[in-house]
Amino acid sequence: MIVTIPIDEEKTDQFLPGNKLDGSGVGINYVDAFLAPFKLTLADGRKLLAKRRGIKITLTVGEAKGEGLLRRMRHGPDPKVLVREALAEAGGQIGVGVAIEPGTVELTLPGL
């Protein structure tokens, strides 16, 4: 099953560290704005949720949970790269493929 989540890039780009003060060093405000649309119920009844706590992103699909970290030392200072890598890490733990394209995030979910 493939789920496409639309991302309003104009809205999220307002929260980039160059546009709005962010003392975190990893773009926490941008990450929060990016993950906001990730709360929905899938056609098969499973819940899909992505949330941040500290520098950890948790991706939940039904009962499965995966975690990824915003690793600035490994992936550089760009918050767009950090969130992409953290989501890919979280998705990899539960078998979810993550592809981030301009304006959308495409998740390839395992079946039931």
PDB file of N, CA and C in Angstrom:
ATOM      1  N   MET A   1       0.838  -1.165   0.000  1.00  0.00           N
ATOM      2  CA  MET A   1       0.000   0.000   0.000  1.00  0.00           C
ATOM      3  C   MET A   1       0.894   1.242   0.000  1.00  0.00           C
ATOM      4  N   ILE A   2       0.571   2.183  -0.867  1.00  0.00           N
ATOM      5  CA  ILE A   2       1.334   3.428  -0.948  1.00  0.00           C
ATOM      6  C   ILE A   2       0.452   4.572  -0.459  1.00  0.00           C
ATOM      7  N   VAL A   3       0.980   5.347   0.478  1.00  0.00           N
ATOM      8  CA  VAL A   3       0.268   6.495   1.036  1.00  0.00           C
ATOM      9  C   VAL A   3       1.053   7.752   0.664  1.00  0.00           C
ATOM     10  N   THR A   4       0.364   8.726   0.094  1.00  0.00           N
ATOM     11  CA  THR A   4       0.989   9.996  -0.267  1.00  0.00           C
ATOM     12  C   THR A   4       0.488  11.071   0.687  1.00  0.00           C
ATOM     13  N   ILE A   5       1.427  11.747   1.337  1.00  0.00           N
ATOM     14  CA  ILE A   5       1.098  12.807   2.285  1.00  0.00           C
ATOM     15  C   ILE A   5       1.549  14.138   1.680  1.00  0.00           C
ATOM     16  N   PRO A   6       0.617  15.063   1.457  1.00  0.00           N
ATOM     17  CA  PRO A   6       1.014  16.359   0.893  1.00  0.00           C
ATOM     18  C   PRO A   6       1.684  17.228   1.957  1.00  0.00           C
ATOM     19  N   ILE A   7       2.748  17.911   1.558  1.00  0.00           N
ATOM     20  CA  ILE A   7       3.479  18.817   2.447  1.00  0.00           C
ATOM     21  C   ILE A   7       3.417  20.216   1.843  1.00  0.00           C
ATOM     22  N   ASP A   8       2.964  21.180   2.613  1.00  0.00           N
ATOM     23  CA  ASP A   8       2.924  22.565   2.175  1.00  0.00           C
ATOM     24  C   ASP A   8       4.310  23.174   2.402  1.00  0.00           C
ATOM     25  N   GLU A   9       5.118  23.176   1.346  1.00  0.00           N
ATOM     26  CA  GLU A   9       6.506  23.620   1.475  1.00  0.00           C
ATOM     27  C   GLU A   9       6.632  25.095   1.830  1.00  0.00           C
ATOM     28  N   GLU A  10       5.712  25.920   1.348  1.00  0.00           N
ATOM     29  CA  GLU A  10       5.770  27.340   1.700  1.00  0.00           C
ATOM     30  C   GLU A  10       5.600  27.523   3.203  1.00  0.00           C
ATOM     31  N   LYS A  11       4.689  26.773   3.775  1.00  0.00           N
ATOM     32  CA  LYS A  11       4.438  26.863   5.213  1.00  0.00           C
ATOM     33  C   LYS A  11       5.619  26.318   6.017  1.00  0.00           C
ATOM     34  N   THR A  12       6.132  25.154   5.625  1.00  0.00           N
ATOM     35  CA  THR A  12       7.222  24.555   6.391  1.00  0.00           C
ATOM     36  C   THR A  12       8.526  25.314   6.239  1.00  0.00           C
ATOM     37  N   ASP A  13       8.780  25.874   5.049  1.00  0.00           N
ATOM     38  CA  ASP A  13      10.030  26.611   4.832  1.00  0.00           C
ATOM     39  C   ASP A  13      10.114  27.879   5.669  1.00  0.00           C
ATOM     40  N   GLN A  14       8.982  28.386   6.139  1.00  0.00           N
ATOM     41  CA  GLN A  14       8.993  29.549   7.032  1.00  0.00           C
ATOM     42  C   GLN A  14       9.713  29.231   8.340  1.00  0.00           C
ATOM     43  N   PHE A  15       9.780  27.956   8.700  1.00  0.00           N
ATOM     44  CA  PHE A  15      10.361  27.542   9.972  1.00  0.00           C
ATOM     45  C   PHE A  15      11.820  27.101   9.861  1.00  0.00           C
ATOM     46  N   LEU A  16      12.408  27.225   8.688  1.00  0.00           N
ATOM     47  CA  LEU A  16      13.827  26.902   8.546  1.00  0.00           C
ATOM     48  C   LEU A  16      14.647  27.845   9.422  1.00  0.00           C
ATOM     49  N   PRO A  17      15.763  27.380   9.972  1.00  0.00           N
ATOM     50  CA  PRO A  17      16.556  28.213  10.883  1.00  0.00           C
ATOM     51  C   PRO A  17      16.975  29.563  10.309  1.00  0.00           C
ATOM     52  N   GLY A  18      17.148  29.695   9.015  1.00  0.00           N
ATOM     53  CA  GLY A  18      17.505  30.973   8.425  1.00  0.00           C
ATOM     54  C   GLY A  18      16.356  31.978   8.426  1.00  0.00           C
ATOM     55  N   ASN A  19      15.128  31.482   8.495  1.00  0.00           N
ATOM     56  CA  ASN A  19      13.948  32.341   8.446  1.00  0.00           C
ATOM     57  C   ASN A  19      13.370  32.641   9.831  1.00  0.00           C
ATOM     58  N   LYS A  20      13.525  31.720  10.754  1.00  0.00           N
ATOM     59  CA  LYS A  20      12.972  31.869  12.094  1.00  0.00           C
ATOM     60  C   LYS A  20      14.007  31.353  13.089  1.00  0.00           C
ATOM     61  N   LEU A  21      14.201  32.071  14.172  1.00  0.00           N
ATOM     62  CA  LEU A  21      15.204  31.669  15.156  1.00  0.00           C
ATOM     63  C   LEU A  21      14.910  30.280  15.702  1.00  0.00           C
ATOM     64  N   ASP A  22      15.954  29.475  15.782  1.00  0.00           N
ATOM     65  CA  ASP A  22      15.839  28.104  16.265  1.00  0.00           C
ATOM     66  C   ASP A  22      17.156  27.758  16.941  1.00  0.00           C
ATOM     67  N   GLY A  23      17.149  27.649  18.234  1.00  0.00           N
ATOM     68  CA  GLY A  23      18.377  27.390  18.976  1.00  0.00           C
ATOM     69  C   GLY A  23      18.750  25.925  19.057  1.00  0.00           C
ATOM     70  N   SER A  24      17.988  25.048  18.422  1.00  0.00           N
ATOM     71  CA  SER A  24      18.234  23.616  18.561  1.00  0.00           C
ATOM     72  C   SER A  24      19.443  23.140  17.765  1.00  0.00           C
ATOM     73  N   GLY A  25      19.729  23.780  16.652  1.00  0.00           N
ATOM     74  CA  GLY A  25      20.820  23.332  15.799  1.00  0.00           C
ATOM     75  C   GLY A  25      20.412  22.274  14.791  1.00  0.00           C
ATOM     76  N   VAL A  26      19.210  21.724  14.926  1.00  0.00           N
ATOM     77  CA  VAL A  26      18.737  20.699  13.992  1.00  0.00           C
ATOM     78  C   VAL A  26      17.420  21.092  13.329  1.00  0.00           C
ATOM     79  N   GLY A  27      16.921  22.293  13.571  1.00  0.00           N
ATOM     80  CA  GLY A  27      15.691  22.751  12.929  1.00  0.00           C
ATOM     81  C   GLY A  27      14.431  22.136  13.498  1.00  0.00           C
ATOM     82  N   ILE A  28      14.316  22.106  14.809  1.00  0.00           N
ATOM     83  CA  ILE A  28      13.163  21.491  15.468  1.00  0.00           C
ATOM     84  C   ILE A  28      11.843  22.099  15.001  1.00  0.00           C
ATOM     85  N   ASN A  29      11.789  23.422  14.864  1.00  0.00           N
ATOM     86  CA  ASN A  29      10.548  24.071  14.416  1.00  0.00           C
ATOM     87  C   ASN A  29      10.165  23.609  13.019  1.00  0.00           C
ATOM     88  N   TYR A  30      11.146  23.455  12.133  1.00  0.00           N
ATOM     89  CA  TYR A  30      10.883  22.960  10.780  1.00  0.00           C
ATOM     90  C   TYR A  30      10.373  21.515  10.827  1.00  0.00           C
ATOM     91  N   VAL A  31      11.007  20.691  11.639  1.00  0.00           N
ATOM     92  CA  VAL A  31      10.609  19.280  11.748  1.00  0.00           C
ATOM     93  C   VAL A  31       9.177  19.170  12.242  1.00  0.00           C
ATOM     94  N   ASP A  32       8.806  19.960  13.253  1.00  0.00           N
ATOM     95  CA  ASP A  32       7.434  19.933  13.760  1.00  0.00           C
ATOM     96  C   ASP A  32       6.430  20.321  12.678  1.00  0.00           C
ATOM     97  N   ALA A  33       6.738  21.360  11.906  1.00  0.00           N
ATOM     98  CA  ALA A  33       5.842  21.781  10.826  1.00  0.00           C
ATOM     99  C   ALA A  33       5.773  20.717   9.728  1.00  0.00           C
ATOM    100  N   PHE A  34       6.887  20.054   9.455  1.00  0.00           N
ATOM    101  CA  PHE A  34       6.944  19.016   8.425  1.00  0.00           C
ATOM    102  C   PHE A  34       6.116  17.792   8.828  1.00  0.00           C
ATOM    103  N   LEU A  35       6.155  17.428  10.116  1.00  0.00           N
ATOM    104  CA  LEU A  35       5.467  16.220  10.581  1.00  0.00           C
ATOM    105  C   LEU A  35       3.987  16.440  10.887  1.00  0.00           C
ATOM    106  N   ALA A  36       3.519  17.676  10.883  1.00  0.00           N
ATOM    107  CA  ALA A  36       2.122  17.967  11.237  1.00  0.00           C
ATOM    108  C   ALA A  36       1.101  17.180  10.408  1.00  0.00           C
ATOM    109  N   PRO A  37       1.253  17.006   9.083  1.00  0.00           N
ATOM    110  CA  PRO A  37       0.235  16.276   8.315  1.00  0.00           C
ATOM    111  C   PRO A  37       0.277  14.750   8.478  1.00  0.00           C
ATOM    112  N   PHE A  38       1.164  14.231   9.301  1.00  0.00           N
ATOM    113  CA  PHE A  38       1.341  12.792   9.419  1.00  0.00           C
ATOM    114  C   PHE A  38       0.391  12.132  10.411  1.00  0.00           C
ATOM    115  N   LYS A  39      -0.757  12.694  10.663  1.00  0.00           N
ATOM    116  CA  LYS A  39      -1.717  12.075  11.580  1.00  0.00           C
ATOM    117  C   LYS A  39      -2.980  11.756  10.798  1.00  0.00           C
ATOM    118  N   LEU A  40      -3.158  10.479  10.462  1.00  0.00           N
ATOM    119  CA  LEU A  40      -4.328  10.082   9.689  1.00  0.00           C
ATOM    120  C   LEU A  40      -4.642   8.613   9.902  1.00  0.00           C
ATOM    121  N   THR A  41      -5.829   8.230   9.470  1.00  0.00           N
ATOM    122  CA  THR A  41      -6.263   6.842   9.518  1.00  0.00           C
ATOM    123  C   THR A  41      -6.249   6.303   8.100  1.00  0.00           C
ATOM    124  N   LEU A  42      -5.609   5.165   7.913  1.00  0.00           N
ATOM    125  CA  LEU A  42      -5.481   4.566   6.592  1.00  0.00           C
ATOM    126  C   LEU A  42      -6.778   3.870   6.181  1.00  0.00           C
ATOM    127  N   ALA A  43      -6.886   3.521   4.908  1.00  0.00           N
ATOM    128  CA  ALA A  43      -8.087   2.873   4.379  1.00  0.00           C
ATOM    129  C   ALA A  43      -8.361   1.532   5.070  1.00  0.00           C
ATOM    130  N   ASP A  44      -7.310   0.844   5.525  1.00  0.00           N
ATOM    131  CA  ASP A  44      -7.498  -0.453   6.183  1.00  0.00           C
ATOM    132  C   ASP A  44      -7.728  -0.320   7.695  1.00  0.00           C
ATOM    133  N   GLY A  45      -7.867   0.913   8.190  1.00  0.00           N
ATOM    134  CA  GLY A  45      -8.186   1.132   9.596  1.00  0.00           C
ATOM    135  C   GLY A  45      -7.000   1.392  10.503  1.00  0.00           C
ATOM    136  N   ARG A  46      -5.779   1.188   9.998  1.00  0.00           N
ATOM    137  CA  ARG A  46      -4.598   1.441  10.821  1.00  0.00           C
ATOM    138  C   ARG A  46      -4.362   2.940  10.964  1.00  0.00           C
ATOM    139  N   LYS A  47      -3.806   3.325  12.093  1.00  0.00           N
ATOM    140  CA  LYS A  47      -3.451   4.723  12.343  1.00  0.00           C
ATOM    141  C   LYS A  47      -2.020   4.956  11.865  1.00  0.00           C
ATOM    142  N   LEU A  48      -1.802   6.119  11.263  1.00  0.00           N
ATOM    143  CA  LEU A  48      -0.473   6.545  10.832  1.00  0.00           C
ATOM    144  C   LEU A  48      -0.147   7.821  11.577  1.00  0.00           C
ATOM    145  N   LEU A  49       1.024   7.843  12.227  1.00  0.00           N
ATOM    146  CA  LEU A  49       1.409   8.997  13.019  1.00  0.00           C
ATOM    147  C   LEU A  49       2.924   9.131  13.009  1.00  0.00           C
ATOM    148  N   ALA A  50       3.385  10.368  12.859  1.00  0.00           N
ATOM    149  CA  ALA A  50       4.807  10.673  13.020  1.00  0.00           C
ATOM    150  C   ALA A  50       4.890  11.829  13.996  1.00  0.00           C
ATOM    151  N   LYS A  51       5.708  11.664  15.028  1.00  0.00           N
ATOM    152  CA  LYS A  51       5.845  12.736  16.013  1.00  0.00           C
ATOM    153  C   LYS A  51       7.293  12.851  16.449  1.00  0.00           C
ATOM    154  N   ARG A  52       7.603  13.993  17.044  1.00  0.00           N
ATOM    155  CA  ARG A  52       8.960  14.268  17.505  1.00  0.00           C
ATOM    156  C   ARG A  52       8.955  14.484  18.999  1.00  0.00           C
ATOM    157  N   ARG A  53       9.966  13.939  19.649  1.00  0.00           N
ATOM    158  CA  ARG A  53      10.209  14.204  21.066  1.00  0.00           C
ATOM    159  C   ARG A  53      11.715  14.377  21.206  1.00  0.00           C
ATOM    160  N   GLY A  54      12.133  15.593  21.506  1.00  0.00           N
ATOM    161  CA  GLY A  54      13.564  15.877  21.525  1.00  0.00           C
ATOM    162  C   GLY A  54      14.098  15.789  20.110  1.00  0.00           C
ATOM    163  N   ILE A  55      15.149  14.989  19.913  1.00  0.00           N
ATOM    164  CA  ILE A  55      15.685  14.808  18.558  1.00  0.00           C
ATOM    165  C   ILE A  55      15.268  13.461  17.958  1.00  0.00           C
ATOM    166  N   LYS A  56      14.313  12.791  18.600  1.00  0.00           N
ATOM    167  CA  LYS A  56      13.847  11.488  18.135  1.00  0.00           C
ATOM    168  C   LYS A  56      12.513  11.623  17.413  1.00  0.00           C
ATOM    169  N   ILE A  57      12.431  11.040  16.225  1.00  0.00           N
ATOM    170  CA  ILE A  57      11.183  10.969  15.471  1.00  0.00           C
ATOM    171  C   ILE A  57      10.653   9.546  15.570  1.00  0.00           C
ATOM    172  N   THR A  58       9.377   9.426  15.922  1.00  0.00           N
ATOM    173  CA  THR A  58       8.731   8.129  16.003  1.00  0.00           C
ATOM    174  C   THR A  58       7.682   8.037  14.909  1.00  0.00           C
ATOM    175  N   LEU A  59       7.782   7.000  14.080  1.00  0.00           N
ATOM    176  CA  LEU A  59       6.820   6.729  13.018  1.00  0.00           C
ATOM    177  C   LEU A  59       6.017   5.506  13.433  1.00  0.00           C
ATOM    178  N   THR A  60       4.685   5.670  13.517  1.00  0.00           N
ATOM    179  CA  THR A  60       3.810   4.596  13.958  1.00  0.00           C
ATOM    180  C   THR A  60       2.823   4.261  12.848  1.00  0.00           C
ATOM    181  N   VAL A  61       2.742   2.976  12.522  1.00  0.00           N
ATOM    182  CA  VAL A  61       1.760   2.471  11.567  1.00  0.00           C
ATOM    183  C   VAL A  61       1.065   1.305  12.246  1.00  0.00           C
ATOM    184  N   GLY A  62      -0.199   1.521  12.644  1.00  0.00           N
ATOM    185  CA  GLY A  62      -0.907   0.496  13.409  1.00  0.00           C
ATOM    186  C   GLY A  62      -0.211   0.284  14.742  1.00  0.00           C
ATOM    187  N   GLU A  63       0.220  -0.945  14.985  1.00  0.00           N
ATOM    188  CA  GLU A  63       0.919  -1.281  16.229  1.00  0.00           C
ATOM    189  C   GLU A  63       2.438  -1.195  16.082  1.00  0.00           C
ATOM    190  N   ALA A  64       2.944  -1.062  14.884  1.00  0.00           N
ATOM    191  CA  ALA A  64       4.391  -1.034  14.632  1.00  0.00           C
ATOM    192  C   ALA A  64       4.949   0.371  14.841  1.00  0.00           C
ATOM    193  N   LYS A  65       6.088   0.448  15.540  1.00  0.00           N
ATOM    194  CA  LYS A  65       6.739   1.736  15.796  1.00  0.00           C
ATOM    195  C   LYS A  65       8.204   1.655  15.421  1.00  0.00           C
ATOM    196  N   GLY A  66       8.658   2.700  14.729  1.00  0.00           N
ATOM    197  CA  GLY A  66      10.068   2.825  14.395  1.00  0.00           C
ATOM    198  C   GLY A  66      10.565   4.184  14.848  1.00  0.00           C
ATOM    199  N   GLU A  67      11.851   4.251  15.195  1.00  0.00           N
ATOM    200  CA  GLU A  67      12.421   5.496  15.691  1.00  0.00           C
ATOM    201  C   GLU A  67      13.651   5.876  14.874  1.00  0.00           C
ATOM    202  N   GLY A  68      13.795   7.184  14.657  1.00  0.00           N
ATOM    203  CA  GLY A  68      14.961   7.718  13.970  1.00  0.00           C
ATOM    204  C   GLY A  68      15.418   8.981  14.671  1.00  0.00           C
ATOM    205  N   LEU A  69      16.711   9.254  14.600  1.00  0.00           N
ATOM    206  CA  LEU A  69      17.272  10.428  15.265  1.00  0.00           C
ATOM    207  C   LEU A  69      17.676  11.490  14.250  1.00  0.00           C
ATOM    208  N   LEU A  70      17.537  12.745  14.644  1.00  0.00           N
ATOM    209  CA  LEU A  70      18.010  13.879  13.845  1.00  0.00           C
ATOM    210  C   LEU A  70      19.505  14.002  14.125  1.00  0.00           C
ATOM    211  N   ARG A  71      20.328  13.414  13.273  1.00  0.00           N
ATOM    212  CA  ARG A  71      21.775  13.314  13.498  1.00  0.00           C
ATOM    213  C   ARG A  71      22.521  14.360  12.685  1.00  0.00           C
ATOM    214  N   ARG A  72      22.806  15.470  13.323  1.00  0.00           N
ATOM    215  CA  ARG A  72      23.475  16.568  12.638  1.00  0.00           C
ATOM    216  C   ARG A  72      24.929  16.229  12.311  1.00  0.00           C
ATOM    217  N   MET A  73      25.606  15.549  13.179  1.00  0.00           N
ATOM    218  CA  MET A  73      27.012  15.222  12.959  1.00  0.00           C
ATOM    219  C   MET A  73      27.182  14.280  11.762  1.00  0.00           C
ATOM    220  N   ARG A  74      26.236  13.410  11.528  1.00  0.00           N
ATOM    221  CA  ARG A  74      26.331  12.459  10.428  1.00  0.00           C
ATOM    222  C   ARG A  74      25.815  13.015   9.106  1.00  0.00           C
ATOM    223  N   HIS A  75      24.704  13.778   9.152  1.00  0.00           N
ATOM    224  CA  HIS A  75      24.027  14.183   7.923  1.00  0.00           C
ATOM    225  C   HIS A  75      24.146  15.671   7.603  1.00  0.00           C
ATOM    226  N   GLY A  76      24.816  16.440   8.428  1.00  0.00           N
ATOM    227  CA  GLY A  76      25.014  17.864   8.144  1.00  0.00           C
ATOM    228  C   GLY A  76      23.957  18.746   8.769  1.00  0.00           C
ATOM    229  N   PRO A  77      24.079  20.049   8.593  1.00  0.00           N
ATOM    230  CA  PRO A  77      23.193  20.981   9.298  1.00  0.00           C
ATOM    231  C   PRO A  77      21.841  21.250   8.626  1.00  0.00           C
ATOM    232  N   ASP A  78      21.611  20.766   7.398  1.00  0.00           N
ATOM    233  CA  ASP A  78      20.371  21.075   6.689  1.00  0.00           C
ATOM    234  C   ASP A  78      19.191  20.306   7.296  1.00  0.00           C
ATOM    235  N   PRO A  79      18.189  21.005   7.863  1.00  0.00           N
ATOM    236  CA  PRO A  79      17.041  20.328   8.473  1.00  0.00           C
ATOM    237  C   PRO A  79      16.255  19.460   7.500  1.00  0.00           C
ATOM    238  N   LYS A  80      16.239  19.817   6.210  1.00  0.00           N
ATOM    239  CA  LYS A  80      15.519  19.012   5.225  1.00  0.00           C
ATOM    240  C   LYS A  80      16.165  17.631   5.081  1.00  0.00           C
ATOM    241  N   VAL A  81      17.476  17.583   5.099  1.00  0.00           N
ATOM    242  CA  VAL A  81      18.196  16.310   5.025  1.00  0.00           C
ATOM    243  C   VAL A  81      18.016  15.536   6.325  1.00  0.00           C
ATOM    244  N   LEU A  82      18.087  16.226   7.443  1.00  0.00           N
ATOM    245  CA  LEU A  82      17.956  15.571   8.749  1.00  0.00           C
ATOM    246  C   LEU A  82      16.606  14.877   8.898  1.00  0.00           C
ATOM    247  N   VAL A  83      15.517  15.558   8.530  1.00  0.00           N
ATOM    248  CA  VAL A  83      14.197  14.950   8.667  1.00  0.00           C
ATOM    249  C   VAL A  83      14.033  13.790   7.688  1.00  0.00           C
ATOM    250  N   ARG A  84      14.576  13.917   6.482  1.00  0.00           N
ATOM    251  CA  ARG A  84      14.494  12.820   5.506  1.00  0.00           C
ATOM    252  C   ARG A  84      15.201  11.576   6.021  1.00  0.00           C
ATOM    253  N   GLU A  85      16.409  11.752   6.538  1.00  0.00           N
ATOM    254  CA  GLU A  85      17.181  10.608   7.036  1.00  0.00           C
ATOM    255  C   GLU A  85      16.557   9.997   8.287  1.00  0.00           C
ATOM    256  N   ALA A  86      16.030  10.833   9.188  1.00  0.00           N
ATOM    257  CA  ALA A  86      15.396  10.320  10.405  1.00  0.00           C
ATOM    258  C   ALA A  86      14.128   9.539  10.074  1.00  0.00           C
ATOM    259  N   LEU A  87      13.326  10.040   9.125  1.00  0.00           N
ATOM    260  CA  LEU A  87      12.125   9.301   8.711  1.00  0.00           C
ATOM    261  C   LEU A  87      12.484   7.991   8.025  1.00  0.00           C
ATOM    262  N   ALA A  88      13.522   8.009   7.204  1.00  0.00           N
ATOM    263  CA  ALA A  88      13.963   6.774   6.541  1.00  0.00           C
ATOM    264  C   ALA A  88      14.444   5.758   7.571  1.00  0.00           C
ATOM    265  N   GLU A  89      15.154   6.216   8.590  1.00  0.00           N
ATOM    266  CA  GLU A  89      15.626   5.322   9.647  1.00  0.00           C
ATOM    267  C   GLU A  89      14.448   4.720  10.423  1.00  0.00           C
ATOM    268  N   ALA A  90      13.481   5.560  10.775  1.00  0.00           N
ATOM    269  CA  ALA A  90      12.305   5.087  11.510  1.00  0.00           C
ATOM    270  C   ALA A  90      11.488   4.117  10.660  1.00  0.00           C
ATOM    271  N   GLY A  91      11.290   4.456   9.388  1.00  0.00           N
ATOM    272  CA  GLY A  91      10.537   3.585   8.495  1.00  0.00           C
ATOM    273  C   GLY A  91      11.240   2.258   8.256  1.00  0.00           C
ATOM    274  N   GLY A  92      12.565   2.286   8.153  1.00  0.00           N
ATOM    275  CA  GLY A  92      13.332   1.061   7.935  1.00  0.00           C
ATOM    276  C   GLY A  92      13.177   0.052   9.061  1.00  0.00           C
ATOM    277  N   GLN A  93      12.987   0.529  10.271  1.00  0.00           N
ATOM    278  CA  GLN A  93      12.823  -0.372  11.413  1.00  0.00           C
ATOM    279  C   GLN A  93      11.517  -1.150  11.362  1.00  0.00           C
ATOM    280  N   ILE A  94      10.505  -0.613  10.674  1.00  0.00           N
ATOM    281  CA  ILE A  94       9.209  -1.294  10.616  1.00  0.00           C
ATOM    282  C   ILE A  94       8.825  -1.705   9.194  1.00  0.00           C
ATOM    283  N   GLY A  95       9.762  -1.620   8.269  1.00  0.00           N
ATOM    284  CA  GLY A  95       9.518  -2.066   6.906  1.00  0.00           C
ATOM    285  C   GLY A  95       8.740  -1.099   6.042  1.00  0.00           C
ATOM    286  N   VAL A  96       8.774   0.188   6.374  1.00  0.00           N
ATOM    287  CA  VAL A  96       8.080   1.218   5.598  1.00  0.00           C
ATOM    288  C   VAL A  96       9.101   1.954   4.735  1.00  0.00           C
ATOM    289  N   GLY A  97       8.843   2.016   3.443  1.00  0.00           N
ATOM    290  CA  GLY A  97       9.705   2.778   2.547  1.00  0.00           C
ATOM    291  C   GLY A  97       9.299   4.238   2.560  1.00  0.00           C
ATOM    292  N   VAL A  98      10.268   5.139   2.642  1.00  0.00           N
ATOM    293  CA  VAL A  98       9.994   6.571   2.696  1.00  0.00           C
ATOM    294  C   VAL A  98      10.674   7.248   1.514  1.00  0.00           C
ATOM    295  N   ALA A  99       9.879   7.955   0.711  1.00  0.00           N
ATOM    296  CA  ALA A  99      10.420   8.735  -0.416  1.00  0.00           C
ATOM    297  C   ALA A  99       9.878  10.153  -0.300  1.00  0.00           C
ATOM    298  N   ILE A 100      10.789  11.123  -0.174  1.00  0.00           N
ATOM    299  CA  ILE A 100      10.387  12.518  -0.052  1.00  0.00           C
ATOM    300  C   ILE A 100      10.653  13.218  -1.380  1.00  0.00           C
ATOM    301  N   GLU A 101       9.585  13.700  -1.975  1.00  0.00           N
ATOM    302  CA  GLU A 101       9.629  14.445  -3.226  1.00  0.00           C
ATOM    303  C   GLU A 101       9.183  15.870  -2.925  1.00  0.00           C
ATOM    304  N   PRO A 102       9.436  16.812  -3.815  1.00  0.00           N
ATOM    305  CA  PRO A 102       8.952  18.178  -3.577  1.00  0.00           C
ATOM    306  C   PRO A 102       7.432  18.206  -3.403  1.00  0.00           C
ATOM    307  N   GLY A 103       6.978  18.635  -2.240  1.00  0.00           N
ATOM    308  CA  GLY A 103       5.556  18.765  -1.961  1.00  0.00           C
ATOM    309  C   GLY A 103       4.857  17.526  -1.456  1.00  0.00           C
ATOM    310  N   THR A 104       5.530  16.375  -1.435  1.00  0.00           N
ATOM    311  CA  THR A 104       4.878  15.151  -0.955  1.00  0.00           C
ATOM    312  C   THR A 104       5.879  14.231  -0.243  1.00  0.00           C
ATOM    313  N   VAL A 105       5.321  13.386   0.604  1.00  0.00           N
ATOM    314  CA  VAL A 105       6.061  12.279   1.189  1.00  0.00           C
ATOM    315  C   VAL A 105       5.294  11.024   0.812  1.00  0.00           C
ATOM    316  N   GLU A 106       5.976  10.074   0.220  1.00  0.00           N
ATOM    317  CA  GLU A 106       5.343   8.834  -0.203  1.00  0.00           C
ATOM    318  C   GLU A 106       5.824   7.706   0.691  1.00  0.00           C
ATOM    319  N   LEU A 107       4.901   7.059   1.365  1.00  0.00           N
ATOM    320  CA  LEU A 107       5.216   5.946   2.254  1.00  0.00           C
ATOM    321  C   LEU A 107       4.730   4.655   1.616  1.00  0.00           C
ATOM    322  N   THR A 108       5.623   3.680   1.509  1.00  0.00           N
ATOM    323  CA  THR A 108       5.249   2.364   1.014  1.00  0.00           C
ATOM    324  C   THR A 108       5.111   1.467   2.222  1.00  0.00           C
ATOM    325  N   LEU A 109       3.855   1.117   2.535  1.00  0.00           N
ATOM    326  CA  LEU A 109       3.539   0.375   3.765  1.00  0.00           C
ATOM    327  C   LEU A 109       3.438  -1.112   3.491  1.00  0.00           C
ATOM    328  N   PRO A 110       3.895  -1.911   4.449  1.00  0.00           N
ATOM    329  CA  PRO A 110       3.701  -3.355   4.310  1.00  0.00           C
ATOM    330  C   PRO A 110       2.224  -3.697   4.475  1.00  0.00           C
ATOM    331  N   GLY A 111       1.795  -4.801   3.879  1.00  0.00           N
ATOM    332  CA  GLY A 111       0.391  -5.227   4.001  1.00  0.00           C
ATOM    333  C   GLY A 111       0.096  -5.735   5.398  1.00  0.00           C
ATOM    334  N   LEU A 112      -1.150  -6.162   5.571  1.00  0.00           N
ATOM    335  CA  LEU A 112      -1.566  -6.665   6.889  1.00  0.00           C
ATOM    336  C   LEU A 112      -0.961  -7.990   7.205  1.00  0.00           C
TER     337      LEU A 112
END
